[in-house]
Amino acid sequence: MGTPGKHRTLTVHAAGCVLWRRSPVTGDLELCLVHRPKYDDWSWPKGKLKRGEDPLAGALREVAEETGHTAVPSAELPTAHYLAAGRPKQVRYWAAEAVSGALTPNDEVDRLLWLPPDAARARLTRPGDAGLVDALLATLRPGD
């Protein structure tokens, strides 16, 4: 059992969103994935919470920082738990509709994609992230 107070055993708390929109061309559902050059991966927009930050507020802050979009959150989705750099990480997710904005590429996120659900599921780097596609679809009402 670890010694209390040991930094390396502390869980990293993060939050993010499964950001969605209706295609401006077809009206079909599209999900937003971000590419992080540091890790060369495709993931949901997410990031570490600041000390004392409300998780939903942190999730919306991260969406704005990583995608340039403002979003309207709805249902909380399942929380992801995994090891990152040897430390336990917990990421709380919400469904959120993108309402406006555009990406300005930066060092943290250099590209984003709007993809249909099946294509998003296939493009995600972490297999564990794919389950959030189904969780999002279960929260959306027909016509959303």
N, C-alpha and C. Protein backbone atom coordinates (compact mmCIF):
# COMPACT_ATOMS: atom_id res chain seq x y z
N MET A 1 0.85 -1.18 0.00
CA MET A 1 0.00 0.00 0.00
C MET A 1 0.89 1.24 0.00
N GLY A 2 0.51 2.24 -0.80
CA GLY A 2 1.32 3.45 -0.94
C GLY A 2 1.28 4.32 0.31
N THR A 3 2.28 5.11 0.46
CA THR A 3 2.36 6.04 1.58
C THR A 3 1.47 7.25 1.28
N PRO A 4 0.58 7.62 2.19
CA PRO A 4 -0.25 8.80 1.93
C PRO A 4 0.62 10.02 1.68
N GLY A 5 0.19 10.82 0.73
CA GLY A 5 0.92 12.04 0.44
C GLY A 5 1.99 11.88 -0.63
N LYS A 6 2.25 10.65 -1.04
CA LYS A 6 3.23 10.44 -2.11
C LYS A 6 2.65 10.99 -3.41
N HIS A 7 3.35 11.89 -4.04
CA HIS A 7 2.85 12.59 -5.22
C HIS A 7 2.50 11.62 -6.36
N ARG A 8 3.35 10.62 -6.58
CA ARG A 8 3.15 9.79 -7.75
C ARG A 8 1.91 8.90 -7.67
N THR A 9 1.34 8.72 -6.49
CA THR A 9 0.16 7.87 -6.37
C THR A 9 -1.14 8.66 -6.48
N LEU A 10 -1.04 9.98 -6.55
CA LEU A 10 -2.25 10.78 -6.62
C LEU A 10 -2.91 10.65 -7.99
N THR A 11 -4.22 10.54 -7.97
CA THR A 11 -4.97 10.46 -9.22
C THR A 11 -4.98 11.82 -9.91
N VAL A 12 -4.74 11.82 -11.20
CA VAL A 12 -4.83 13.02 -12.01
C VAL A 12 -6.31 13.19 -12.38
N HIS A 13 -6.86 14.36 -12.05
CA HIS A 13 -8.27 14.63 -12.37
C HIS A 13 -8.34 15.52 -13.60
N ALA A 14 -9.14 15.06 -14.58
CA ALA A 14 -9.30 15.80 -15.82
C ALA A 14 -10.77 15.76 -16.22
N ALA A 15 -11.11 16.58 -17.21
CA ALA A 15 -12.49 16.60 -17.69
C ALA A 15 -12.48 17.02 -19.16
N GLY A 16 -13.52 16.61 -19.85
CA GLY A 16 -13.64 16.95 -21.26
C GLY A 16 -15.05 16.71 -21.76
N CYS A 17 -15.20 16.87 -23.05
CA CYS A 17 -16.52 16.71 -23.66
C CYS A 17 -16.44 15.87 -24.92
N VAL A 18 -17.53 15.16 -25.18
CA VAL A 18 -17.75 14.59 -26.49
C VAL A 18 -18.56 15.67 -27.20
N LEU A 19 -17.85 16.45 -28.01
CA LEU A 19 -18.42 17.62 -28.67
C LEU A 19 -19.10 17.18 -29.96
N TRP A 20 -20.32 17.64 -30.17
CA TRP A 20 -21.06 17.23 -31.36
C TRP A 20 -21.73 18.43 -32.02
N ARG A 21 -22.09 18.22 -33.27
CA ARG A 21 -22.84 19.23 -34.02
C ARG A 21 -23.58 18.52 -35.14
N ARG A 22 -24.45 19.27 -35.76
CA ARG A 22 -25.09 18.82 -37.00
C ARG A 22 -24.28 19.38 -38.15
N SER A 23 -23.96 18.53 -39.12
CA SER A 23 -23.17 18.98 -40.27
C SER A 23 -23.86 20.16 -40.94
N PRO A 24 -23.08 21.23 -41.21
CA PRO A 24 -23.68 22.37 -41.91
C PRO A 24 -24.09 22.02 -43.34
N VAL A 25 -23.59 20.92 -43.87
CA VAL A 25 -23.90 20.52 -45.25
C VAL A 25 -25.06 19.53 -45.31
N THR A 26 -24.95 18.44 -44.51
CA THR A 26 -25.94 17.36 -44.62
C THR A 26 -26.93 17.31 -43.47
N GLY A 27 -26.61 17.96 -42.35
CA GLY A 27 -27.47 17.86 -41.18
C GLY A 27 -27.21 16.62 -40.35
N ASP A 28 -26.27 15.78 -40.79
CA ASP A 28 -25.95 14.55 -40.05
C ASP A 28 -25.12 14.87 -38.81
N LEU A 29 -25.20 13.98 -37.82
CA LEU A 29 -24.44 14.13 -36.59
C LEU A 29 -22.95 13.98 -36.87
N GLU A 30 -22.16 14.91 -36.30
CA GLU A 30 -20.70 14.85 -36.39
C GLU A 30 -20.11 15.05 -35.00
N LEU A 31 -19.02 14.32 -34.74
CA LEU A 31 -18.33 14.40 -33.46
C LEU A 31 -16.94 15.00 -33.68
N CYS A 32 -16.48 15.76 -32.70
CA CYS A 32 -15.21 16.47 -32.81
C CYS A 32 -14.09 15.69 -32.14
N LEU A 33 -13.02 15.42 -32.91
CA LEU A 33 -11.81 14.84 -32.36
C LEU A 33 -10.68 15.84 -32.54
N VAL A 34 -9.77 15.87 -31.58
CA VAL A 34 -8.62 16.77 -31.67
C VAL A 34 -7.34 15.94 -31.81
N HIS A 35 -6.39 16.49 -32.57
CA HIS A 35 -5.08 15.86 -32.74
C HIS A 35 -4.06 16.62 -31.89
N ARG A 36 -3.39 15.87 -31.02
CA ARG A 36 -2.38 16.48 -30.15
C ARG A 36 -1.00 16.07 -30.67
N PRO A 37 -0.25 17.02 -31.24
CA PRO A 37 1.05 16.66 -31.82
C PRO A 37 2.04 16.09 -30.81
N LYS A 38 1.95 16.52 -29.56
CA LYS A 38 2.88 16.02 -28.53
C LYS A 38 2.77 14.50 -28.40
N TYR A 39 1.54 13.98 -28.53
CA TYR A 39 1.31 12.54 -28.38
C TYR A 39 1.00 11.87 -29.72
N ASP A 40 0.84 12.68 -30.78
CA ASP A 40 0.41 12.19 -32.09
C ASP A 40 -0.80 11.27 -31.94
N ASP A 41 -1.82 11.78 -31.24
CA ASP A 41 -3.02 10.98 -31.05
C ASP A 41 -4.27 11.77 -31.39
N TRP A 42 -5.36 11.05 -31.54
CA TRP A 42 -6.70 11.63 -31.76
C TRP A 42 -7.53 11.31 -30.54
N SER A 43 -8.11 12.33 -29.95
CA SER A 43 -8.87 12.13 -28.71
C SER A 43 -10.00 13.14 -28.62
N TRP A 44 -10.80 12.97 -27.58
CA TRP A 44 -11.82 13.96 -27.25
C TRP A 44 -11.12 15.16 -26.64
N PRO A 45 -11.66 16.37 -26.82
CA PRO A 45 -11.07 17.52 -26.13
C PRO A 45 -11.20 17.35 -24.61
N LYS A 46 -10.07 17.43 -23.93
CA LYS A 46 -10.05 17.22 -22.47
C LYS A 46 -8.77 17.77 -21.91
N GLY A 47 -8.72 17.89 -20.58
CA GLY A 47 -7.48 18.34 -19.95
C GLY A 47 -7.59 18.30 -18.45
N LYS A 48 -6.44 18.53 -17.82
CA LYS A 48 -6.38 18.50 -16.36
C LYS A 48 -7.18 19.67 -15.77
N LEU A 49 -7.79 19.38 -14.64
CA LEU A 49 -8.53 20.42 -13.92
C LEU A 49 -7.56 21.28 -13.12
N LYS A 50 -7.89 22.55 -13.02
CA LYS A 50 -7.12 23.44 -12.16
C LYS A 50 -7.56 23.18 -10.72
N ARG A 51 -6.69 23.51 -9.77
CA ARG A 51 -6.99 23.28 -8.36
C ARG A 51 -8.33 23.93 -8.00
N GLY A 52 -9.26 23.13 -7.45
CA GLY A 52 -10.55 23.63 -7.00
C GLY A 52 -11.55 23.90 -8.11
N GLU A 53 -11.19 23.60 -9.35
CA GLU A 53 -12.08 23.90 -10.48
C GLU A 53 -13.23 22.89 -10.55
N ASP A 54 -14.42 23.40 -10.81
CA ASP A 54 -15.58 22.54 -11.02
C ASP A 54 -15.33 21.71 -12.28
N PRO A 55 -15.57 20.38 -12.23
CA PRO A 55 -15.28 19.54 -13.39
C PRO A 55 -16.00 19.95 -14.68
N LEU A 56 -17.27 20.32 -14.60
CA LEU A 56 -17.97 20.72 -15.82
C LEU A 56 -17.40 22.03 -16.36
N ALA A 57 -17.10 22.97 -15.48
CA ALA A 57 -16.48 24.23 -15.92
C ALA A 57 -15.13 23.94 -16.58
N GLY A 58 -14.38 23.01 -16.01
CA GLY A 58 -13.09 22.64 -16.58
C GLY A 58 -13.24 21.98 -17.94
N ALA A 59 -14.26 21.14 -18.08
CA ALA A 59 -14.50 20.48 -19.37
C ALA A 59 -14.80 21.51 -20.45
N LEU A 60 -15.64 22.50 -20.13
CA LEU A 60 -16.00 23.53 -21.11
C LEU A 60 -14.81 24.44 -21.41
N ARG A 61 -13.97 24.70 -20.39
CA ARG A 61 -12.75 25.49 -20.61
C ARG A 61 -11.83 24.76 -21.57
N GLU A 62 -11.65 23.46 -21.34
CA GLU A 62 -10.77 22.67 -22.20
C GLU A 62 -11.30 22.63 -23.64
N VAL A 63 -12.62 22.49 -23.81
CA VAL A 63 -13.20 22.50 -25.16
C VAL A 63 -12.87 23.83 -25.85
N ALA A 64 -13.04 24.92 -25.13
CA ALA A 64 -12.75 26.24 -25.71
C ALA A 64 -11.27 26.36 -26.07
N GLU A 65 -10.39 25.92 -25.15
CA GLU A 65 -8.95 26.04 -25.39
C GLU A 65 -8.49 25.14 -26.54
N GLU A 66 -9.02 23.91 -26.60
CA GLU A 66 -8.52 22.94 -27.57
C GLU A 66 -9.21 22.99 -28.92
N THR A 67 -10.44 23.51 -28.97
CA THR A 67 -11.18 23.49 -30.24
C THR A 67 -11.55 24.88 -30.73
N GLY A 68 -11.49 25.88 -29.84
CA GLY A 68 -11.94 27.22 -30.21
C GLY A 68 -13.45 27.36 -30.21
N HIS A 69 -14.17 26.32 -29.78
CA HIS A 69 -15.63 26.34 -29.80
C HIS A 69 -16.23 26.58 -28.42
N THR A 70 -17.34 27.29 -28.41
CA THR A 70 -18.16 27.33 -27.20
C THR A 70 -19.16 26.19 -27.34
N ALA A 71 -19.60 25.67 -26.21
CA ALA A 71 -20.45 24.48 -26.23
C ALA A 71 -21.51 24.56 -25.15
N VAL A 72 -22.63 23.89 -25.42
CA VAL A 72 -23.72 23.79 -24.46
C VAL A 72 -23.73 22.35 -23.94
N PRO A 73 -23.41 22.16 -22.65
CA PRO A 73 -23.35 20.79 -22.12
C PRO A 73 -24.74 20.22 -21.85
N SER A 74 -24.80 18.90 -21.89
CA SER A 74 -26.04 18.21 -21.49
C SER A 74 -25.66 17.09 -20.53
N ALA A 75 -25.92 15.85 -20.88
CA ALA A 75 -25.75 14.74 -19.96
C ALA A 75 -24.28 14.45 -19.65
N GLU A 76 -24.04 14.05 -18.39
CA GLU A 76 -22.70 13.54 -18.06
C GLU A 76 -22.59 12.13 -18.63
N LEU A 77 -21.44 11.83 -19.20
CA LEU A 77 -21.16 10.53 -19.81
C LEU A 77 -20.29 9.72 -18.85
N PRO A 78 -20.05 8.44 -19.16
CA PRO A 78 -19.21 7.64 -18.25
C PRO A 78 -17.81 8.24 -18.06
N THR A 79 -17.29 8.07 -16.86
CA THR A 79 -15.96 8.54 -16.51
C THR A 79 -14.93 7.52 -16.96
N ALA A 80 -13.84 8.00 -17.56
CA ALA A 80 -12.75 7.12 -17.98
C ALA A 80 -11.71 7.03 -16.87
N HIS A 81 -11.18 5.84 -16.68
CA HIS A 81 -10.11 5.59 -15.70
C HIS A 81 -9.00 4.83 -16.41
N TYR A 82 -7.78 5.34 -16.35
CA TYR A 82 -6.66 4.64 -16.97
C TYR A 82 -5.36 5.18 -16.39
N LEU A 83 -4.26 4.54 -16.75
CA LEU A 83 -2.94 5.00 -16.30
C LEU A 83 -2.34 5.90 -17.37
N ALA A 84 -1.80 7.03 -16.94
CA ALA A 84 -1.10 7.95 -17.84
C ALA A 84 0.24 8.25 -17.20
N ALA A 85 1.31 7.92 -17.88
CA ALA A 85 2.67 8.11 -17.35
C ALA A 85 2.80 7.46 -15.97
N GLY A 86 2.18 6.30 -15.82
CA GLY A 86 2.30 5.55 -14.58
C GLY A 86 1.42 6.01 -13.44
N ARG A 87 0.62 7.05 -13.68
CA ARG A 87 -0.27 7.56 -12.62
C ARG A 87 -1.72 7.30 -13.00
N PRO A 88 -2.56 6.99 -12.01
CA PRO A 88 -3.98 6.83 -12.32
C PRO A 88 -4.57 8.16 -12.78
N LYS A 89 -5.40 8.09 -13.81
CA LYS A 89 -6.04 9.29 -14.33
C LYS A 89 -7.54 9.04 -14.41
N GLN A 90 -8.30 10.04 -14.01
CA GLN A 90 -9.76 9.98 -14.07
C GLN A 90 -10.22 11.15 -14.92
N VAL A 91 -10.99 10.86 -15.98
CA VAL A 91 -11.49 11.91 -16.85
C VAL A 91 -13.01 11.85 -16.87
N ARG A 92 -13.64 12.92 -16.38
CA ARG A 92 -15.10 13.02 -16.45
C ARG A 92 -15.48 13.68 -17.77
N TYR A 93 -16.50 13.14 -18.41
CA TYR A 93 -16.93 13.63 -19.72
C TYR A 93 -18.40 14.04 -19.70
N TRP A 94 -18.70 15.01 -20.53
CA TRP A 94 -20.08 15.43 -20.78
C TRP A 94 -20.34 15.47 -22.27
N ALA A 95 -21.59 15.23 -22.63
CA ALA A 95 -22.03 15.50 -24.00
C ALA A 95 -22.16 17.01 -24.10
N ALA A 96 -21.75 17.58 -25.23
CA ALA A 96 -21.85 19.03 -25.40
C ALA A 96 -22.02 19.36 -26.88
N GLU A 97 -22.98 20.22 -27.15
CA GLU A 97 -23.21 20.66 -28.53
C GLU A 97 -22.38 21.90 -28.82
N ALA A 98 -21.62 21.83 -29.91
CA ALA A 98 -20.83 22.98 -30.35
C ALA A 98 -21.79 24.03 -30.90
N VAL A 99 -21.66 25.27 -30.43
CA VAL A 99 -22.55 26.32 -30.92
C VAL A 99 -21.85 27.33 -31.81
N SER A 100 -20.58 27.57 -31.59
CA SER A 100 -19.86 28.51 -32.46
C SER A 100 -18.38 28.36 -32.21
N GLY A 101 -17.59 28.85 -33.17
CA GLY A 101 -16.15 28.85 -32.98
C GLY A 101 -15.41 28.21 -34.13
N ALA A 102 -14.10 28.29 -34.04
CA ALA A 102 -13.21 27.68 -35.03
C ALA A 102 -11.86 27.46 -34.38
N LEU A 103 -11.18 26.41 -34.78
CA LEU A 103 -9.87 26.09 -34.23
C LEU A 103 -8.81 27.05 -34.75
N THR A 104 -8.00 27.53 -33.82
CA THR A 104 -6.75 28.20 -34.18
C THR A 104 -5.66 27.22 -33.78
N PRO A 105 -5.00 26.56 -34.76
CA PRO A 105 -3.99 25.56 -34.40
C PRO A 105 -2.93 26.14 -33.47
N ASN A 106 -2.47 25.30 -32.53
CA ASN A 106 -1.46 25.72 -31.57
C ASN A 106 -0.59 24.52 -31.21
N ASP A 107 0.31 24.71 -30.24
CA ASP A 107 1.23 23.63 -29.87
C ASP A 107 0.51 22.45 -29.24
N GLU A 108 -0.62 22.71 -28.59
CA GLU A 108 -1.34 21.63 -27.90
C GLU A 108 -2.22 20.84 -28.87
N VAL A 109 -2.94 21.55 -29.73
CA VAL A 109 -3.84 20.92 -30.71
C VAL A 109 -3.59 21.56 -32.06
N ASP A 110 -3.18 20.73 -33.03
CA ASP A 110 -2.87 21.31 -34.34
C ASP A 110 -3.94 21.03 -35.40
N ARG A 111 -4.83 20.07 -35.12
CA ARG A 111 -5.90 19.76 -36.07
C ARG A 111 -7.13 19.29 -35.31
N LEU A 112 -8.29 19.48 -35.94
CA LEU A 112 -9.48 18.83 -35.42
C LEU A 112 -10.28 18.31 -36.60
N LEU A 113 -11.05 17.28 -36.31
CA LEU A 113 -11.89 16.67 -37.33
C LEU A 113 -13.32 16.59 -36.82
N TRP A 114 -14.28 16.83 -37.71
CA TRP A 114 -15.69 16.57 -37.45
C TRP A 114 -16.03 15.31 -38.24
N LEU A 115 -16.36 14.23 -37.52
CA LEU A 115 -16.57 12.94 -38.16
C LEU A 115 -17.91 12.33 -37.77
N PRO A 116 -18.51 11.52 -38.68
CA PRO A 116 -19.69 10.75 -38.29
C PRO A 116 -19.30 9.80 -37.14
N PRO A 117 -20.27 9.37 -36.34
CA PRO A 117 -19.94 8.54 -35.17
C PRO A 117 -19.06 7.33 -35.46
N ASP A 118 -19.36 6.55 -36.50
CA ASP A 118 -18.55 5.36 -36.76
C ASP A 118 -17.12 5.71 -37.13
N ALA A 119 -16.94 6.77 -37.91
CA ALA A 119 -15.60 7.19 -38.29
C ALA A 119 -14.84 7.73 -37.09
N ALA A 120 -15.53 8.44 -36.20
CA ALA A 120 -14.89 8.95 -34.98
C ALA A 120 -14.43 7.78 -34.11
N ARG A 121 -15.29 6.79 -33.96
CA ARG A 121 -14.96 5.61 -33.15
C ARG A 121 -13.68 4.95 -33.69
N ALA A 122 -13.58 4.84 -35.02
CA ALA A 122 -12.43 4.18 -35.64
C ALA A 122 -11.16 5.03 -35.55
N ARG A 123 -11.27 6.35 -35.53
CA ARG A 123 -10.10 7.24 -35.56
C ARG A 123 -9.49 7.44 -34.18
N LEU A 124 -10.27 7.30 -33.11
CA LEU A 124 -9.75 7.52 -31.76
C LEU A 124 -8.54 6.63 -31.49
N THR A 125 -7.51 7.20 -30.89
CA THR A 125 -6.29 6.46 -30.62
C THR A 125 -6.47 5.46 -29.47
N ARG A 126 -7.08 5.91 -28.38
CA ARG A 126 -7.29 5.03 -27.22
C ARG A 126 -8.56 4.22 -27.43
N PRO A 127 -8.48 2.88 -27.48
CA PRO A 127 -9.68 2.07 -27.68
C PRO A 127 -10.75 2.36 -26.62
N GLY A 128 -10.33 2.67 -25.39
CA GLY A 128 -11.28 2.95 -24.32
C GLY A 128 -12.14 4.17 -24.56
N ASP A 129 -11.68 5.08 -25.43
CA ASP A 129 -12.46 6.29 -25.71
C ASP A 129 -13.67 6.01 -26.61
N ALA A 130 -13.64 4.90 -27.35
CA ALA A 130 -14.69 4.62 -28.33
C ALA A 130 -16.06 4.40 -27.68
N GLY A 131 -16.08 3.88 -26.47
CA GLY A 131 -17.36 3.64 -25.79
C GLY A 131 -18.16 4.91 -25.56
N LEU A 132 -17.47 6.05 -25.54
CA LEU A 132 -18.17 7.32 -25.32
C LEU A 132 -19.02 7.70 -26.53
N VAL A 133 -18.71 7.16 -27.70
CA VAL A 133 -19.56 7.41 -28.87
C VAL A 133 -20.96 6.87 -28.60
N ASP A 134 -21.03 5.60 -28.16
CA ASP A 134 -22.33 4.99 -27.87
C ASP A 134 -23.03 5.69 -26.70
N ALA A 135 -22.25 6.08 -25.70
CA ALA A 135 -22.84 6.79 -24.55
C ALA A 135 -23.47 8.10 -25.02
N LEU A 136 -22.79 8.82 -25.90
CA LEU A 136 -23.35 10.07 -26.42
C LEU A 136 -24.62 9.79 -27.21
N LEU A 137 -24.56 8.81 -28.11
CA LEU A 137 -25.73 8.51 -28.95
C LEU A 137 -26.94 8.17 -28.10
N ALA A 138 -26.72 7.50 -26.97
CA ALA A 138 -27.82 7.14 -26.08
C ALA A 138 -28.45 8.35 -25.42
N THR A 139 -27.71 9.46 -25.32
CA THR A 139 -28.24 10.65 -24.65
C THR A 139 -28.98 11.58 -25.61
N LEU A 140 -28.69 11.45 -26.90
CA LEU A 140 -29.29 12.37 -27.87
C LEU A 140 -30.70 11.91 -28.23
N ARG A 141 -31.60 12.86 -28.24
CA ARG A 141 -32.95 12.57 -28.64
C ARG A 141 -33.02 12.65 -30.17
N PRO A 142 -33.93 11.89 -30.79
CA PRO A 142 -34.09 12.05 -32.22
C PRO A 142 -34.36 13.52 -32.54
N GLY A 143 -33.67 14.03 -33.53
CA GLY A 143 -33.84 15.42 -33.88
C GLY A 143 -32.78 16.33 -33.26
N ASP A 144 -32.01 15.79 -32.26
CA ASP A 144 -30.91 16.60 -31.70
C ASP A 144 -29.85 16.81 -32.76
